[in-house]
C-alpha cells in the first residue's frame, strides 16, 4: 500500500508539473515537507485535520500548503479525490484502498461520476444483503408471479426450505451447490401450478433446482 502511494504521489507531481523534492512547508523547529510527501499524506490520510495530527503541524499550516497546489478548487470534493482524479484513480471507502477508475461502477450521484465503493465491494455488499434477506426476496417473487393475491411470508418460504432439507426434490442438488452452479437459490415450485388454481399452501410448494423447474414448465 505504501509503495503504491509513493508511486501515485510521483505521478501526481508529474501531472501538476511540480518538483517532487521542492519544499512546500518550512516551519522553524520541524522537519521540512516536500510536495511529494505532502501529496503522499493527503492520499494516505484524506483530511487536513488527520494530516496535522500525524505530522504535528497546525491544521492551518497544512491547509495553507494544500491550497497552494494547482488543483481543481471544487469545495464539494476532498483533496484526495481531486488529486486522484488527475491520474484516473479513486479511493474506495469500504476496502480502504486506491484503485483505477475502471474498478468503480458508474454513478450519477457523485461529482466524479463514479460510486464511492469499488465494484468488488459493491458486489460483496449486495451479495451479503441478499443472503441476509434471501427468504424475503423469494417470498416477494412468488407473490409477484401468483395470479391470486394470497399472501406468502418469508417464514413459510423458510419452512419449505427446512422441510425439503435445502435440496431439490428431484435431482437432490443442495442449496450451496445450486448457488455455485447457477448463482441463485433453489426455486420454490407450485406442485399444482397457479394457472391451474394451485395455491400457496405449504403442501403445494416444493424445492426444485433451476433445471428441474424449467423442464417441469406448467405441469
Protein backbone atom coordinates (compact mmCIF):
# COMPACT_ATOMS: atom_id res chain seq x y z
CA UNK A 1 0.00 0.00 0.00
CA UNK A 2 2.76 2.47 0.96
CA UNK A 3 4.73 1.69 -2.22
CA UNK A 4 1.59 2.31 -4.26
CA UNK A 5 1.02 5.66 -2.52
CA UNK A 6 4.60 6.73 -3.22
CA UNK A 7 4.24 5.84 -6.91
CA UNK A 8 0.93 7.69 -7.18
CA UNK A 9 2.42 10.71 -5.40
CA UNK A 10 5.17 10.90 -8.01
CA UNK A 11 2.64 10.56 -10.85
CA UNK A 12 0.58 13.41 -9.41
CA UNK A 13 3.67 15.62 -9.04
CA UNK A 14 4.49 15.00 -12.69
CA UNK A 15 0.88 15.73 -13.69
CA UNK A 16 0.93 19.02 -11.78
CA UNK A 17 4.42 19.80 -13.11
CA UNK A 18 5.78 20.09 -9.57
CA UNK A 19 9.32 19.35 -8.48
CA UNK A 20 8.62 16.44 -6.14
CA UNK A 21 11.59 17.38 -3.93
CA UNK A 22 10.68 21.09 -3.65
CA UNK A 23 9.75 22.17 -0.13
CA UNK A 24 6.20 23.31 0.48
CA UNK A 25 6.30 23.58 4.30
CA UNK A 26 9.34 25.10 6.04
CA UNK A 27 8.37 25.74 9.67
CA UNK A 28 11.03 26.51 12.25
CA UNK A 29 11.99 23.66 14.54
CA UNK A 30 10.19 20.99 12.49
CA UNK A 31 11.04 18.73 9.57
CA UNK A 32 10.66 20.19 6.08
CA UNK A 33 7.94 18.66 3.91
CA UNK A 34 8.26 18.29 0.13
CA UNK A 35 5.41 18.33 -2.38
CA UNK A 36 5.73 14.58 -2.87
CA UNK A 37 5.50 14.00 0.88
CA UNK A 38 2.51 16.33 1.23
CA UNK A 39 0.64 14.55 -1.58
CA UNK A 40 1.57 11.20 -0.05
CA UNK A 41 -0.01 12.21 3.28
CA UNK A 42 -3.12 13.55 1.55
CA UNK A 43 -3.58 10.21 -0.23
CA UNK A 44 -2.94 8.26 2.97
CA UNK A 45 -5.00 10.21 5.50
CA UNK A 46 -7.51 12.13 3.38
CA UNK A 47 -8.27 15.07 5.67
CA UNK A 48 -6.03 18.00 6.57
CA UNK A 49 -7.02 17.58 10.23
CA UNK A 50 -5.73 13.99 10.30
CA UNK A 51 -2.54 15.03 8.48
CA UNK A 52 -1.91 17.79 11.02
CA UNK A 53 -2.27 15.27 13.86
CA UNK A 54 0.09 12.78 12.25
CA UNK A 55 2.78 15.35 11.40
CA UNK A 56 2.32 17.52 14.49
CA UNK A 57 1.60 20.66 12.44
CA UNK A 58 -1.27 23.06 12.88
CA UNK A 59 -4.30 22.43 10.68
CA UNK A 60 -3.92 25.97 9.31
CA UNK A 61 -0.34 25.23 8.15
CA UNK A 62 -1.42 22.07 6.31
CA UNK A 63 -4.42 23.75 4.69
CA UNK A 64 -2.27 26.67 3.55
CA UNK A 65 0.20 24.26 1.88
CA UNK A 66 -2.57 22.22 0.26
CA UNK A 67 -4.33 25.31 -1.11
CA UNK A 68 -1.12 26.22 -2.93
CA UNK A 69 -1.37 23.03 -5.02
CA UNK A 70 -2.54 23.82 -8.60
CA UNK A 71 -5.62 21.59 -8.48
CA UNK A 72 -9.35 22.00 -9.03
CA UNK A 73 -10.78 24.22 -6.26
CA UNK A 74 -14.14 22.42 -6.12
CA UNK A 75 -15.19 22.85 -2.49
CA UNK A 76 -17.50 19.82 -2.64
CA UNK A 77 -14.70 17.33 -3.33
CA UNK A 78 -12.00 16.23 -0.91
CA UNK A 79 -8.34 16.98 -1.65
CA UNK A 80 -7.65 13.27 -2.02
CA UNK A 81 -10.46 12.89 -4.56
CA UNK A 82 -9.23 15.89 -6.58
CA UNK A 83 -5.65 14.59 -6.70
CA UNK A 84 -6.66 11.07 -7.69
CA UNK A 85 -8.90 12.46 -10.44
CA UNK A 86 -5.79 13.78 -12.15
CA UNK A 87 -4.44 10.27 -12.77
CA UNK A 88 -7.81 8.46 -13.12
CA UNK A 89 -7.64 6.76 -9.73
CA UNK A 90 -10.15 6.69 -6.88
CA UNK A 91 -10.31 5.80 -3.18
CA UNK A 92 -12.67 3.00 -2.03
CA UNK A 93 -14.37 3.82 1.26
CA UNK A 94 -15.04 0.16 2.11
CA UNK A 95 -11.81 -1.74 1.46
CA UNK A 96 -9.82 1.48 2.14
CA UNK A 97 -7.64 1.17 -0.93
CA UNK A 98 -6.84 3.18 -4.04
CA UNK A 99 -7.80 1.66 -7.40
CA UNK A 100 -8.18 2.72 -11.01
CA UNK A 101 -11.44 4.40 -12.05
CA UNK A 102 -12.47 1.39 -14.15
CA UNK A 103 -12.69 -0.61 -10.89
CA UNK A 104 -15.63 1.56 -9.76
CA UNK A 105 -19.24 1.37 -11.01
CA UNK A 106 -20.76 4.45 -12.66
CA UNK A 107 -22.96 6.69 -10.53
CA UNK A 108 -24.99 9.80 -11.32
CA UNK A 109 -24.97 10.85 -7.66
CA UNK A 110 -21.27 11.68 -7.26
CA UNK A 111 -19.09 14.50 -8.55
CA UNK A 112 -16.73 12.16 -10.38
CA UNK A 113 -19.47 10.06 -11.97
CA UNK A 114 -18.15 7.01 -10.09
CA UNK A 115 -19.52 5.30 -6.98
CA UNK A 116 -17.73 5.64 -3.62
CA UNK A 117 -17.11 1.90 -3.37
CA UNK A 118 -15.30 -0.31 -5.89
CA UNK A 119 -17.11 -2.98 -7.92
CA UNK A 120 -15.80 -5.80 -5.75
CA UNK A 121 -17.01 -4.19 -2.51
CA UNK A 122 -20.35 -3.25 -4.09
CA UNK A 123 -20.83 -6.83 -5.30
CA UNK A 124 -19.95 -8.24 -1.87
CA UNK A 125 -22.34 -5.79 -0.19
CA UNK A 126 -25.32 -6.77 -2.36
CA UNK A 127 -24.44 -10.47 -2.09
CA UNK A 128 -24.39 -10.21 1.70
CA UNK A 129 -27.63 -8.20 1.67
CA UNK A 130 -29.30 -10.87 -0.49
CA UNK A 131 -28.06 -13.69 1.74
CA UNK A 132 -29.35 -11.87 4.83
CA UNK A 133 -32.78 -11.36 3.22
CA UNK A 134 -32.98 -14.39 0.92
CA UNK A 135 -36.34 -15.70 2.16
CA UNK A 136 -37.95 -12.25 1.84
CA UNK A 137 -36.84 -11.95 -1.80
CA UNK A 138 -38.10 -15.43 -2.64
CA UNK A 139 -41.45 -14.74 -0.96
CA UNK A 140 -41.83 -11.47 -2.90
CA UNK A 141 -41.01 -13.24 -6.19
CA UNK A 142 -43.69 -15.86 -5.56
CA UNK A 143 -46.26 -13.16 -4.72
CA UNK A 144 -45.48 -11.25 -7.94
CA UNK A 145 -45.87 -14.38 -10.07
CA UNK A 146 -49.03 -15.59 -8.36
CA UNK A 147 -52.28 -14.89 -10.19
CA UNK A 148 -54.06 -14.97 -6.84
CA UNK A 149 -53.35 -12.30 -4.27
CA UNK A 150 -52.83 -14.83 -1.48
CA UNK A 151 -50.12 -13.86 0.95
CA UNK A 152 -46.88 -15.83 1.36
CA UNK A 153 -44.48 -14.97 4.14
CA UNK A 154 -40.73 -15.36 4.50
CA UNK A 155 -41.47 -17.75 7.39
CA UNK A 156 -43.39 -20.03 5.01
CA UNK A 157 -40.53 -19.93 2.49
CA UNK A 158 -38.04 -20.82 5.22
CA UNK A 159 -40.33 -23.66 6.35
CA UNK A 160 -40.34 -25.13 2.82
CA UNK A 161 -36.52 -24.96 2.67
CA UNK A 162 -36.17 -26.67 6.05
CA UNK A 163 -38.79 -29.33 5.26
CA UNK A 164 -37.11 -30.21 1.94
CA UNK A 165 -33.68 -30.23 3.57
CA UNK A 166 -32.36 -27.36 1.41
CA UNK A 167 -32.16 -29.55 -1.72
CA UNK A 168 -34.04 -30.15 -4.98
CA UNK A 169 -36.84 -32.72 -4.58
CA UNK A 170 -36.00 -34.32 -7.94
CA UNK A 171 -32.23 -34.28 -8.51
CA UNK A 172 -31.27 -33.59 -4.86
CA UNK A 173 -28.76 -30.84 -5.65
CA UNK A 174 -28.07 -28.87 -2.48
CA UNK A 175 -28.71 -25.15 -1.98
CA UNK A 176 -24.96 -24.45 -1.76
CA UNK A 177 -24.13 -26.38 -4.96
CA UNK A 178 -27.04 -24.69 -6.75
CA UNK A 179 -25.76 -21.23 -5.81
CA UNK A 180 -22.28 -22.16 -7.06
CA UNK A 181 -23.59 -23.60 -10.34
CA UNK A 182 -26.40 -21.16 -11.17
CA UNK A 183 -25.70 -18.14 -8.98
CA UNK A 184 -29.19 -18.23 -7.41
CA UNK A 185 -31.13 -20.02 -4.70
CA UNK A 186 -33.23 -23.11 -5.32
CA UNK A 187 -36.67 -22.34 -6.78
CA UNK A 188 -39.90 -22.75 -4.84
CA UNK A 189 -42.26 -24.53 -7.24
CA UNK A 190 -46.04 -24.91 -7.15
CA UNK A 191 -46.82 -28.63 -7.48
CA UNK A 192 -50.21 -27.69 -8.93
CA UNK A 193 -49.47 -24.57 -11.00
CA UNK A 194 -51.13 -21.30 -10.03
CA UNK A 195 -52.59 -21.14 -13.55
CA UNK A 196 -54.48 -24.33 -12.69
CA UNK A 197 -55.85 -22.97 -9.42
CA UNK A 198 -52.85 -24.08 -7.37
CA UNK A 199 -52.46 -22.32 -4.02
CA UNK A 200 -49.60 -21.06 -1.89
CA UNK A 201 -50.31 -23.67 0.76
CA UNK A 202 -47.15 -25.35 2.04
CA UNK A 203 -48.39 -28.75 0.82
CA UNK A 204 -48.47 -27.34 -2.73
CA UNK A 205 -44.92 -25.99 -2.55
CA UNK A 206 -41.64 -27.81 -3.15
CA UNK A 207 -37.98 -27.01 -3.75
CA UNK A 208 -36.67 -27.55 -7.28
CA UNK A 209 -33.41 -26.60 -8.94
CA UNK A 210 -33.40 -24.30 -11.95
CA UNK A 211 -33.12 -27.15 -14.46
CA UNK A 212 -35.86 -29.29 -12.93
CA UNK A 213 -38.20 -26.33 -12.56
CA UNK A 214 -37.76 -25.23 -16.18
CA UNK A 215 -38.22 -28.77 -17.50
CA UNK A 216 -41.46 -29.08 -15.48
CA UNK A 217 -42.87 -25.92 -17.17
CA UNK A 218 -46.62 -25.67 -16.48
CA UNK A 219 -47.31 -29.22 -15.39
